[in-house]
Amino acid sequence: MKHTTSRILVTGSADGLGRAAAQSLLSAGHEVVVHARNAERAAALAPLLERGAGVVVGDFTDRDAVRRIAEELNDTEPLDAVIHNAGVWNGPAVMPVNIVAPYLLTALLPAPRRLVYLSSGSHYDGHPHPSLAGVDWRGEHAGSYADSKLFVTALAAAVARLRPGVLSNSVDPGWVPTRMGGPHAPDDLELGHRTQEWLATSEDDQALTSGGYWYHRQLRPPHRAVHDQVFQERLLRALADETGVAI
């Protein structure tokens, strides 16, 4: 696999797939910025910081924290790539963390030329709401994981369409044995983070494509709504209205 040295942000990298990706990217010689939601979880990243990783700290349920992280990153050396890994499975944080935070970071970080969004096979069960006005973006109630992953997969496709100079893709890492996936998850933990690293760094021809939905370095057809431009525009308009920031 060919690659050049890149500076990469990996969100949600205190454990699980995010941490595995950050460790692997550091081992490959890349500059990595890791992320944790609070100081306690950031302390667990000490081994990666000792290897030269940078760190940003902020709770993705707090939009002001996401904005502060974006400002902090824009004041440092530009990022080449972002792996939008942070995610939650259930509860009120689902929409804020799984779609609002990556949307805000995408809108507020203009530099990265490669964007990788963590999707899920669950996105096939998501509902492309005729009107997105009623979606609980603020997390006042438990959110739909499937809907959140459909939204973020559509976001990745929309960014690929609207930013032709950016490589924007989504990845289904599989159902892997992380804290979120549980100890009996059937997929391969190692394969679970390799595709996003490849898309973020590789000069292979396939990795230099945009708008794909990937599973273990293989393209798969996503939910039919993902490439529906009408749905994409409704989603982007709803998120822009909700956050006050447009892509």
C-alpha atoms as a PDB file:
ATOM      1  CA  MET A   1       0.000   0.000   0.000  1.00  0.00           C
ATOM      2  CA  LYS A   2       1.451   3.327  -1.096  1.00  0.00           C
ATOM      3  CA  HIS A   3       0.974   6.425   1.036  1.00  0.00           C
ATOM      4  CA  THR A   4       2.547   9.751   1.903  1.00  0.00           C
ATOM      5  CA  THR A   5       2.827  11.104   5.426  1.00  0.00           C
ATOM      6  CA  SER A   6      -0.396  12.816   6.466  1.00  0.00           C
ATOM      7  CA  ARG A   7      -1.785  14.701   9.435  1.00  0.00           C
ATOM      8  CA  ILE A   8      -5.003  12.991  10.495  1.00  0.00           C
ATOM      9  CA  LEU A   9      -7.673  13.628  13.120  1.00  0.00           C
ATOM     10  CA  VAL A  10      -9.360  10.510  14.495  1.00  0.00           C
ATOM     11  CA  THR A  11     -12.428  11.367  16.555  1.00  0.00           C
ATOM     12  CA  GLY A  12     -13.534   9.078  19.357  1.00  0.00           C
ATOM     13  CA  SER A  13     -10.072   7.569  19.699  1.00  0.00           C
ATOM     14  CA  ALA A  14      -9.947   6.775  23.429  1.00  0.00           C
ATOM     15  CA  ASP A  15     -10.833   3.148  22.753  1.00  0.00           C
ATOM     16  CA  GLY A  16     -12.247   0.718  20.202  1.00  0.00           C
ATOM     17  CA  LEU A  17     -11.844   1.246  16.464  1.00  0.00           C
ATOM     18  CA  GLY A  18     -10.732   4.863  16.858  1.00  0.00           C
ATOM     19  CA  ARG A  19      -7.865   3.948  19.126  1.00  0.00           C
ATOM     20  CA  ALA A  20      -6.877   1.033  16.886  1.00  0.00           C
ATOM     21  CA  ALA A  21      -6.840   3.349  13.856  1.00  0.00           C
ATOM     22  CA  ALA A  22      -4.793   5.987  15.679  1.00  0.00           C
ATOM     23  CA  GLN A  23      -2.250   3.407  16.843  1.00  0.00           C
ATOM     24  CA  SER A  24      -1.915   1.947  13.363  1.00  0.00           C
ATOM     25  CA  LEU A  25      -1.553   5.353  11.703  1.00  0.00           C
ATOM     26  CA  LEU A  26       1.151   6.365  14.181  1.00  0.00           C
ATOM     27  CA  SER A  27       2.989   3.123  13.502  1.00  0.00           C
ATOM     28  CA  ALA A  28       2.851   3.906   9.773  1.00  0.00           C
ATOM     29  CA  GLY A  29       4.574   7.238  10.419  1.00  0.00           C
ATOM     30  CA  HIS A  30       1.623   9.599  10.123  1.00  0.00           C
ATOM     31  CA  GLU A  31       0.946  12.598  12.342  1.00  0.00           C
ATOM     32  CA  VAL A  32      -2.179  11.853  14.337  1.00  0.00           C
ATOM     33  CA  VAL A  33      -4.481  14.022  16.419  1.00  0.00           C
ATOM     34  CA  VAL A  34      -6.573  11.949  18.803  1.00  0.00           C
ATOM     35  CA  HIS A  35      -9.805  12.986  20.460  1.00  0.00           C
ATOM     36  CA  ALA A  36     -11.506  12.196  23.754  1.00  0.00           C
ATOM     37  CA  ARG A  37     -14.739  13.538  25.163  1.00  0.00           C
ATOM     38  CA  ASN A  38     -13.315  14.531  28.565  1.00  0.00           C
ATOM     39  CA  ALA A  39     -10.070  14.839  30.519  1.00  0.00           C
ATOM     40  CA  GLU A  40     -10.449  11.437  32.165  1.00  0.00           C
ATOM     41  CA  ARG A  41     -10.686   9.639  28.836  1.00  0.00           C
ATOM     42  CA  ALA A  42      -7.904  11.803  27.418  1.00  0.00           C
ATOM     43  CA  ALA A  43      -5.626  10.576  30.222  1.00  0.00           C
ATOM     44  CA  ALA A  44      -6.041   7.052  28.847  1.00  0.00           C
ATOM     45  CA  LEU A  45      -4.494   8.286  25.594  1.00  0.00           C
ATOM     46  CA  ALA A  46      -1.135   8.955  27.273  1.00  0.00           C
ATOM     47  CA  PRO A  47       0.632   6.081  25.438  1.00  0.00           C
ATOM     48  CA  LEU A  48      -0.338   7.626  22.097  1.00  0.00           C
ATOM     49  CA  LEU A  49       0.666  11.123  23.200  1.00  0.00           C
ATOM     50  CA  GLU A  50       4.054   9.744  24.247  1.00  0.00           C
ATOM     51  CA  ARG A  51       4.434   8.505  20.677  1.00  0.00           C
ATOM     52  CA  GLY A  52       3.846  12.030  19.365  1.00  0.00           C
ATOM     53  CA  ALA A  53       0.086  12.259  18.875  1.00  0.00           C
ATOM     54  CA  GLY A  54      -1.671  15.547  19.442  1.00  0.00           C
ATOM     55  CA  VAL A  55      -4.941  15.659  21.322  1.00  0.00           C
ATOM     56  CA  VAL A  56      -8.210  17.589  21.373  1.00  0.00           C
ATOM     57  CA  VAL A  57     -10.781  17.189  24.140  1.00  0.00           C
ATOM     58  CA  GLY A  58     -14.488  17.907  23.962  1.00  0.00           C
ATOM     59  CA  ASP A  59     -17.868  16.274  24.412  1.00  0.00           C
ATOM     60  CA  PHE A  60     -19.585  15.897  21.036  1.00  0.00           C
ATOM     61  CA  THR A  61     -23.012  16.257  22.641  1.00  0.00           C
ATOM     62  CA  ASP A  62     -22.024  19.901  23.270  1.00  0.00           C
ATOM     63  CA  ARG A  63     -22.040  21.941  20.056  1.00  0.00           C
ATOM     64  CA  ASP A  64     -19.957  24.684  21.626  1.00  0.00           C
ATOM     65  CA  ALA A  65     -17.293  22.071  22.426  1.00  0.00           C
ATOM     66  CA  VAL A  66     -17.323  20.904  18.789  1.00  0.00           C
ATOM     67  CA  ARG A  67     -16.930  24.501  17.629  1.00  0.00           C
ATOM     68  CA  ARG A  68     -14.052  25.049  20.059  1.00  0.00           C
ATOM     69  CA  ILE A  69     -12.290  21.917  18.791  1.00  0.00           C
ATOM     70  CA  ALA A  70     -12.678  23.154  15.216  1.00  0.00           C
ATOM     71  CA  GLU A  71     -11.214  26.555  16.149  1.00  0.00           C
ATOM     72  CA  GLU A  72      -8.337  24.879  17.952  1.00  0.00           C
ATOM     73  CA  LEU A  73      -7.571  22.683  14.945  1.00  0.00           C
ATOM     74  CA  ASN A  74      -7.835  25.579  12.488  1.00  0.00           C
ATOM     75  CA  ASP A  75      -5.192  27.425  14.516  1.00  0.00           C
ATOM     76  CA  THR A  76      -2.662  24.606  14.097  1.00  0.00           C
ATOM     77  CA  GLU A  77      -0.988  22.862  11.179  1.00  0.00           C
ATOM     78  CA  PRO A  78      -3.683  21.959   8.621  1.00  0.00           C
ATOM     79  CA  LEU A  79      -5.169  18.488   8.680  1.00  0.00           C
ATOM     80  CA  ASP A  80      -4.949  16.293   5.606  1.00  0.00           C
ATOM     81  CA  ALA A  81      -7.712  13.903   6.674  1.00  0.00           C
ATOM     82  CA  VAL A  82     -10.410  13.343   9.269  1.00  0.00           C
ATOM     83  CA  ILE A  83     -11.735   9.948  10.308  1.00  0.00           C
ATOM     84  CA  HIS A  84     -15.144  10.691  11.829  1.00  0.00           C
ATOM     85  CA  ASN A  85     -15.110   7.681  14.126  1.00  0.00           C
ATOM     86  CA  ALA A  86     -16.886   8.907  17.277  1.00  0.00           C
ATOM     87  CA  GLY A  87     -20.260   7.276  17.751  1.00  0.00           C
ATOM     88  CA  VAL A  88     -22.774   6.039  20.277  1.00  0.00           C
ATOM     89  CA  TRP A  89     -25.173   3.141  19.988  1.00  0.00           C
ATOM     90  CA  ASN A  90     -28.207   4.355  21.920  1.00  0.00           C
ATOM     91  CA  GLY A  91     -29.643   7.050  24.159  1.00  0.00           C
ATOM     92  CA  PRO A  92     -30.098  10.804  23.763  1.00  0.00           C
ATOM     93  CA  ALA A  93     -26.538  11.332  22.462  1.00  0.00           C
ATOM     94  CA  VAL A  94     -27.156   9.391  19.225  1.00  0.00           C
ATOM     95  CA  MET A  95     -28.057  12.312  16.943  1.00  0.00           C
ATOM     96  CA  PRO A  96     -25.702  14.905  18.495  1.00  0.00           C
ATOM     97  CA  VAL A  97     -22.666  12.607  18.332  1.00  0.00           C
ATOM     98  CA  ASN A  98     -23.342  10.508  15.231  1.00  0.00           C
ATOM     99  CA  ILE A  99     -24.473  13.212  12.799  1.00  0.00           C
ATOM    100  CA  VAL A 100     -24.526  16.769  14.216  1.00  0.00           C
ATOM    101  CA  ALA A 101     -20.883  16.705  15.392  1.00  0.00           C
ATOM    102  CA  PRO A 102     -19.436  15.325  12.126  1.00  0.00           C
ATOM    103  CA  TYR A 103     -21.588  17.781  10.174  1.00  0.00           C
ATOM    104  CA  LEU A 104     -20.257  20.700  12.219  1.00  0.00           C
ATOM    105  CA  LEU A 105     -16.658  19.557  11.920  1.00  0.00           C
ATOM    106  CA  THR A 106     -17.083  19.127   8.169  1.00  0.00           C
ATOM    107  CA  ALA A 107     -18.493  22.628   7.843  1.00  0.00           C
ATOM    108  CA  LEU A 108     -15.931  24.257  10.138  1.00  0.00           C
ATOM    109  CA  LEU A 109     -12.747  22.461   9.010  1.00  0.00           C
ATOM    110  CA  PRO A 110     -12.079  23.544   5.410  1.00  0.00           C
ATOM    111  CA  ALA A 111      -8.576  22.123   5.002  1.00  0.00           C
ATOM    112  CA  PRO A 112      -8.827  18.293   5.008  1.00  0.00           C
ATOM    113  CA  ARG A 113      -8.851  16.776   1.533  1.00  0.00           C
ATOM    114  CA  ARG A 114      -9.941  13.350   2.753  1.00  0.00           C
ATOM    115  CA  LEU A 115     -12.971  12.667   4.916  1.00  0.00           C
ATOM    116  CA  VAL A 116     -13.976   9.246   6.200  1.00  0.00           C
ATOM    117  CA  TYR A 117     -17.300   8.812   8.008  1.00  0.00           C
ATOM    118  CA  LEU A 118     -18.107   5.741  10.082  1.00  0.00           C
ATOM    119  CA  SER A 119     -21.362   4.256   8.900  1.00  0.00           C
ATOM    120  CA  SER A 120     -22.922   0.897   9.764  1.00  0.00           C
ATOM    121  CA  GLY A 121     -24.906  -1.873   8.130  1.00  0.00           C
ATOM    122  CA  SER A 122     -27.695  -0.569  10.361  1.00  0.00           C
ATOM    123  CA  HIS A 123     -28.032   2.412   8.022  1.00  0.00           C
ATOM    124  CA  TYR A 124     -30.102   0.182   5.694  1.00  0.00           C
ATOM    125  CA  ASP A 125     -32.804   0.226   8.392  1.00  0.00           C
ATOM    126  CA  GLY A 126     -32.838   4.023   8.566  1.00  0.00           C
ATOM    127  CA  HIS A 127     -35.816   6.047   7.365  1.00  0.00           C
ATOM    128  CA  PRO A 128     -35.321   8.918   4.892  1.00  0.00           C
ATOM    129  CA  HIS A 129     -37.927  11.118   6.575  1.00  0.00           C
ATOM    130  CA  PRO A 130     -40.075  13.049   4.068  1.00  0.00           C
ATOM    131  CA  SER A 131     -39.538  16.034   6.350  1.00  0.00           C
ATOM    132  CA  LEU A 132     -36.564  16.252   8.667  1.00  0.00           C
ATOM    133  CA  ALA A 133     -38.130  19.061  10.700  1.00  0.00           C
ATOM    134  CA  GLY A 134     -39.200  16.694  13.468  1.00  0.00           C
ATOM    135  CA  VAL A 135     -35.849  14.987  13.994  1.00  0.00           C
ATOM    136  CA  ASP A 136     -34.523  15.459  17.541  1.00  0.00           C
ATOM    137  CA  TRP A 137     -31.099  16.830  16.600  1.00  0.00           C
ATOM    138  CA  ARG A 138     -30.476  18.115  20.142  1.00  0.00           C
ATOM    139  CA  GLY A 139     -30.818  14.741  21.828  1.00  0.00           C
ATOM    140  CA  GLU A 140     -33.661  15.575  24.151  1.00  0.00           C
ATOM    141  CA  HIS A 141     -34.876  11.996  23.712  1.00  0.00           C
ATOM    142  CA  ALA A 142     -33.283   8.688  22.683  1.00  0.00           C
ATOM    143  CA  GLY A 143     -32.347   8.775  19.004  1.00  0.00           C
ATOM    144  CA  SER A 144     -32.508   6.173  16.242  1.00  0.00           C
ATOM    145  CA  TYR A 145     -29.053   4.706  15.600  1.00  0.00           C
ATOM    146  CA  ALA A 146     -30.152   3.449  12.167  1.00  0.00           C
ATOM    147  CA  ASP A 147     -31.399   6.896  11.169  1.00  0.00           C
ATOM    148  CA  SER A 148     -28.234   8.573  12.425  1.00  0.00           C
ATOM    149  CA  LYS A 149     -26.083   6.256  10.319  1.00  0.00           C
ATOM    150  CA  LEU A 150     -28.266   6.774   7.253  1.00  0.00           C
ATOM    151  CA  PHE A 151     -27.865  10.522   7.746  1.00  0.00           C
ATOM    152  CA  VAL A 152     -24.085  10.405   8.111  1.00  0.00           C
ATOM    153  CA  THR A 153     -23.753   8.104   5.088  1.00  0.00           C
ATOM    154  CA  ALA A 154     -25.822  10.561   3.053  1.00  0.00           C
ATOM    155  CA  LEU A 155     -23.670  13.403   4.414  1.00  0.00           C
ATOM    156  CA  ALA A 156     -20.540  11.676   3.126  1.00  0.00           C
ATOM    157  CA  ALA A 157     -22.097  11.298  -0.321  1.00  0.00           C
ATOM    158  CA  ALA A 158     -23.310  14.912  -0.330  1.00  0.00           C
ATOM    159  CA  VAL A 159     -19.848  16.219   0.565  1.00  0.00           C
ATOM    160  CA  ALA A 160     -18.356  14.128  -2.255  1.00  0.00           C
ATOM    161  CA  ARG A 161     -20.783  15.805  -4.657  1.00  0.00           C
ATOM    162  CA  LEU A 162     -20.416  19.356  -3.339  1.00  0.00           C
ATOM    163  CA  ARG A 163     -16.660  19.372  -2.753  1.00  0.00           C
ATOM    164  CA  PRO A 164     -15.094  17.856  -5.871  1.00  0.00           C
ATOM    165  CA  GLY A 165     -11.591  18.493  -4.536  1.00  0.00           C
ATOM    166  CA  VAL A 166     -12.287  16.373  -1.451  1.00  0.00           C
ATOM    167  CA  LEU A 167     -12.313  12.579  -1.174  1.00  0.00           C
ATOM    168  CA  SER A 168     -15.344  11.834   0.992  1.00  0.00           C
ATOM    169  CA  ASN A 169     -16.357   8.257   1.768  1.00  0.00           C
ATOM    170  CA  SER A 170     -18.275   6.250   4.344  1.00  0.00           C
ATOM    171  CA  VAL A 171     -17.225   2.939   5.865  1.00  0.00           C
ATOM    172  CA  ASP A 172     -19.118   0.083   7.462  1.00  0.00           C
ATOM    173  CA  PRO A 173     -16.483  -1.355   9.814  1.00  0.00           C
ATOM    174  CA  GLY A 174     -18.562  -4.446  10.496  1.00  0.00           C
ATOM    175  CA  TRP A 175     -19.991  -5.641  13.783  1.00  0.00           C
ATOM    176  CA  VAL A 176     -16.751  -5.900  15.694  1.00  0.00           C
ATOM    177  CA  PRO A 177     -15.956  -6.782  19.334  1.00  0.00           C
ATOM    178  CA  THR A 178     -15.457  -3.299  20.768  1.00  0.00           C
ATOM    179  CA  ARG A 179     -17.069  -1.781  23.857  1.00  0.00           C
ATOM    180  CA  MET A 180     -19.935  -0.710  21.605  1.00  0.00           C
ATOM    181  CA  GLY A 181     -20.141  -3.937  19.606  1.00  0.00           C
ATOM    182  CA  GLY A 182     -19.884  -6.274  22.577  1.00  0.00           C
ATOM    183  CA  PRO A 183     -17.547  -9.230  23.193  1.00  0.00           C
ATOM    184  CA  HIS A 184     -19.437 -11.675  20.954  1.00  0.00           C
ATOM    185  CA  ALA A 185     -19.569  -9.531  17.809  1.00  0.00           C
ATOM    186  CA  PRO A 186     -18.729 -11.747  14.809  1.00  0.00           C
ATOM    187  CA  ASP A 187     -16.619  -9.454  12.609  1.00  0.00           C
ATOM    188  CA  ASP A 188     -12.833  -9.051  12.585  1.00  0.00           C
ATOM    189  CA  LEU A 189     -11.592  -6.252  14.854  1.00  0.00           C
ATOM    190  CA  GLU A 190      -8.412  -5.841  12.805  1.00  0.00           C
ATOM    191  CA  LEU A 191     -10.320  -5.454   9.534  1.00  0.00           C
ATOM    192  CA  GLY A 192     -12.685  -3.081  11.314  1.00  0.00           C
ATOM    193  CA  HIS A 193     -10.237  -0.170  11.198  1.00  0.00           C
ATOM    194  CA  ARG A 194      -8.109  -0.890   8.118  1.00  0.00           C
ATOM    195  CA  THR A 195     -10.471   0.493   5.475  1.00  0.00           C
ATOM    196  CA  GLN A 196     -10.767   3.927   7.056  1.00  0.00           C
ATOM    197  CA  GLU A 197      -6.976   4.165   7.416  1.00  0.00           C
ATOM    198  CA  TRP A 198      -6.570   3.176   3.765  1.00  0.00           C
ATOM    199  CA  LEU A 199      -9.079   5.762   2.566  1.00  0.00           C
ATOM    200  CA  ALA A 200      -7.450   8.445   4.722  1.00  0.00           C
ATOM    201  CA  THR A 201      -3.889   7.868   3.540  1.00  0.00           C
ATOM    202  CA  SER A 202      -3.382   5.572   0.559  1.00  0.00           C
ATOM    203  CA  GLU A 203      -2.373   6.619  -2.952  1.00  0.00           C
ATOM    204  CA  ASP A 204      -3.902   3.442  -4.396  1.00  0.00           C
ATOM    205  CA  ASP A 205      -6.246   4.233  -7.279  1.00  0.00           C
ATOM    206  CA  GLN A 206      -9.301   2.869  -5.474  1.00  0.00           C
ATOM    207  CA  ALA A 207      -8.570   4.916  -2.364  1.00  0.00           C
ATOM    208  CA  LEU A 208      -8.490   8.069  -4.486  1.00  0.00           C
ATOM    209  CA  THR A 209     -12.178   7.776  -5.345  1.00  0.00           C
ATOM    210  CA  SER A 210     -15.005   9.631  -3.631  1.00  0.00           C
ATOM    211  CA  GLY A 211     -18.618   9.095  -2.681  1.00  0.00           C
ATOM    212  CA  GLY A 212     -18.312   5.387  -1.900  1.00  0.00           C
ATOM    213  CA  TYR A 213     -19.778   3.222   0.832  1.00  0.00           C
ATOM    214  CA  TRP A 214     -17.107   0.680   1.807  1.00  0.00           C
ATOM    215  CA  TYR A 215     -16.926  -2.576   3.734  1.00  0.00           C
ATOM    216  CA  HIS A 216     -13.482  -4.187   4.145  1.00  0.00           C
ATOM    217  CA  ARG A 217     -12.090  -2.249   1.150  1.00  0.00           C
ATOM    218  CA  GLN A 218     -14.960  -3.359  -1.070  1.00  0.00           C
ATOM    219  CA  LEU A 219     -17.576  -0.968  -2.438  1.00  0.00           C
ATOM    220  CA  ARG A 220     -21.167  -1.808  -1.570  1.00  0.00           C
ATOM    221  CA  PRO A 221     -24.426  -0.188  -2.667  1.00  0.00           C
ATOM    222  CA  PRO A 222     -25.796   1.909   0.196  1.00  0.00           C
ATOM    223  CA  HIS A 223     -29.407   2.651   1.117  1.00  0.00           C
ATOM    224  CA  ARG A 224     -31.158   4.099  -1.945  1.00  0.00           C
ATOM    225  CA  ALA A 225     -31.602   7.462  -0.170  1.00  0.00           C
ATOM    226  CA  VAL A 226     -27.854   8.026   0.230  1.00  0.00           C
ATOM    227  CA  HIS A 227     -27.309   9.239  -3.338  1.00  0.00           C
ATOM    228  CA  ASP A 228     -30.741  10.865  -3.658  1.00  0.00           C
ATOM    229  CA  GLN A 229     -29.827  14.529  -4.137  1.00  0.00           C
ATOM    230  CA  VAL A 230     -33.246  15.707  -2.981  1.00  0.00           C
ATOM    231  CA  PHE A 231     -32.793  13.837   0.300  1.00  0.00           C
ATOM    232  CA  GLN A 232     -29.211  15.088   0.617  1.00  0.00           C
ATOM    233  CA  GLU A 233     -30.346  18.680   0.198  1.00  0.00           C
ATOM    234  CA  ARG A 234     -33.144  18.256   2.741  1.00  0.00           C
ATOM    235  CA  LEU A 235     -30.642  16.813   5.195  1.00  0.00           C
ATOM    236  CA  LEU A 236     -28.074  19.576   4.652  1.00  0.00           C
ATOM    237  CA  ARG A 237     -30.737  22.274   4.915  1.00  0.00           C
ATOM    238  CA  ALA A 238     -32.092  20.803   8.166  1.00  0.00           C
ATOM    239  CA  LEU A 239     -28.597  20.596   9.683  1.00  0.00           C
ATOM    240  CA  ALA A 240     -27.714  24.105   8.533  1.00  0.00           C
ATOM    241  CA  ASP A 241     -30.923  25.486  10.021  1.00  0.00           C
ATOM    242  CA  GLU A 242     -30.304  23.594  13.251  1.00  0.00           C
ATOM    243  CA  THR A 243     -26.652  24.605  13.708  1.00  0.00           C
ATOM    244  CA  GLY A 244     -26.500  27.957  11.930  1.00  0.00           C
ATOM    245  CA  VAL A 245     -23.580  26.681   9.838  1.00  0.00           C
ATOM    246  CA  ALA A 246     -23.846  25.669   6.172  1.00  0.00           C
ATOM    247  CA  ILE A 247     -21.590  23.444   4.101  1.00  0.00           C
END
